[in-house]
Amino acid sequence: CYNRTRQAAITKEILEIVGGAEALASS
């Protein structure tokens, strides 16, 4: 249960970082 929550948080952080990088690249 703890592992799943941790995995979800890590995935969310990665998506935010990738999204920010794509926004910077496209601007």
N, C-alpha and C. Protein backbone atom coordinates (compact mmCIF):
# COMPACT_ATOMS: atom_id res chain seq x y z
N CYS A 1 0.85 -1.20 0.00
CA CYS A 1 0.00 0.00 0.00
C CYS A 1 0.89 1.26 0.00
N TYR A 2 1.87 1.26 0.88
CA TYR A 2 2.79 2.41 0.94
C TYR A 2 3.54 2.55 -0.38
N ASN A 3 3.96 1.42 -0.92
CA ASN A 3 4.72 1.44 -2.17
C ASN A 3 3.90 2.04 -3.29
N ARG A 4 2.61 1.66 -3.36
CA ARG A 4 1.75 2.16 -4.44
C ARG A 4 1.59 3.67 -4.34
N THR A 5 1.41 4.18 -3.11
CA THR A 5 1.26 5.62 -2.92
C THR A 5 2.54 6.34 -3.34
N ARG A 6 3.68 5.77 -2.95
CA ARG A 6 4.97 6.36 -3.30
C ARG A 6 5.15 6.37 -4.82
N GLN A 7 4.79 5.27 -5.47
CA GLN A 7 4.94 5.18 -6.92
C GLN A 7 4.08 6.23 -7.61
N ALA A 8 2.86 6.42 -7.12
CA ALA A 8 1.96 7.41 -7.72
C ALA A 8 2.54 8.81 -7.58
N ALA A 9 3.13 9.10 -6.42
CA ALA A 9 3.70 10.43 -6.19
C ALA A 9 4.89 10.65 -7.12
N ILE A 10 5.73 9.63 -7.28
CA ILE A 10 6.89 9.75 -8.15
C ILE A 10 6.45 9.96 -9.60
N THR A 11 5.45 9.19 -10.02
CA THR A 11 4.95 9.31 -11.39
C THR A 11 4.42 10.71 -11.63
N LYS A 12 3.69 11.25 -10.64
CA LYS A 12 3.12 12.59 -10.78
C LYS A 12 4.23 13.63 -10.91
N GLU A 13 5.28 13.47 -10.12
CA GLU A 13 6.39 14.42 -10.19
C GLU A 13 7.07 14.37 -11.55
N ILE A 14 7.27 13.15 -12.06
CA ILE A 14 7.91 13.00 -13.36
C ILE A 14 7.07 13.65 -14.45
N LEU A 15 5.74 13.42 -14.38
CA LEU A 15 4.86 14.01 -15.40
C LEU A 15 4.91 15.53 -15.33
N GLU A 16 4.98 16.08 -14.13
CA GLU A 16 5.04 17.54 -13.99
C GLU A 16 6.35 18.07 -14.56
N ILE A 17 7.45 17.38 -14.29
CA ILE A 17 8.76 17.82 -14.80
C ILE A 17 8.77 17.75 -16.32
N VAL A 18 8.29 16.64 -16.87
CA VAL A 18 8.27 16.47 -18.32
C VAL A 18 7.36 17.52 -18.95
N GLY A 19 6.20 17.76 -18.34
CA GLY A 19 5.27 18.75 -18.86
C GLY A 19 5.91 20.13 -18.86
N GLY A 20 6.62 20.47 -17.80
CA GLY A 20 7.29 21.77 -17.72
C GLY A 20 8.37 21.89 -18.77
N ALA A 21 9.12 20.81 -18.98
CA ALA A 21 10.18 20.84 -19.97
C ALA A 21 9.60 21.02 -21.37
N GLU A 22 8.49 20.34 -21.64
CA GLU A 22 7.86 20.47 -22.96
C GLU A 22 7.33 21.88 -23.16
N ALA A 23 6.79 22.48 -22.10
CA ALA A 23 6.27 23.84 -22.20
C ALA A 23 7.41 24.81 -22.51
N LEU A 24 8.56 24.59 -21.86
CA LEU A 24 9.71 25.46 -22.11
C LEU A 24 10.22 25.28 -23.54
N ALA A 25 10.24 24.04 -24.00
CA ALA A 25 10.78 23.76 -25.33
C ALA A 25 9.88 24.34 -26.43
N SER A 26 8.58 24.36 -26.18
CA SER A 26 7.65 24.81 -27.22
C SER A 26 7.49 26.33 -27.23
N SER A 27 7.92 26.99 -26.17
CA SER A 27 7.71 28.45 -26.10
C SER A 27 8.77 29.22 -26.88
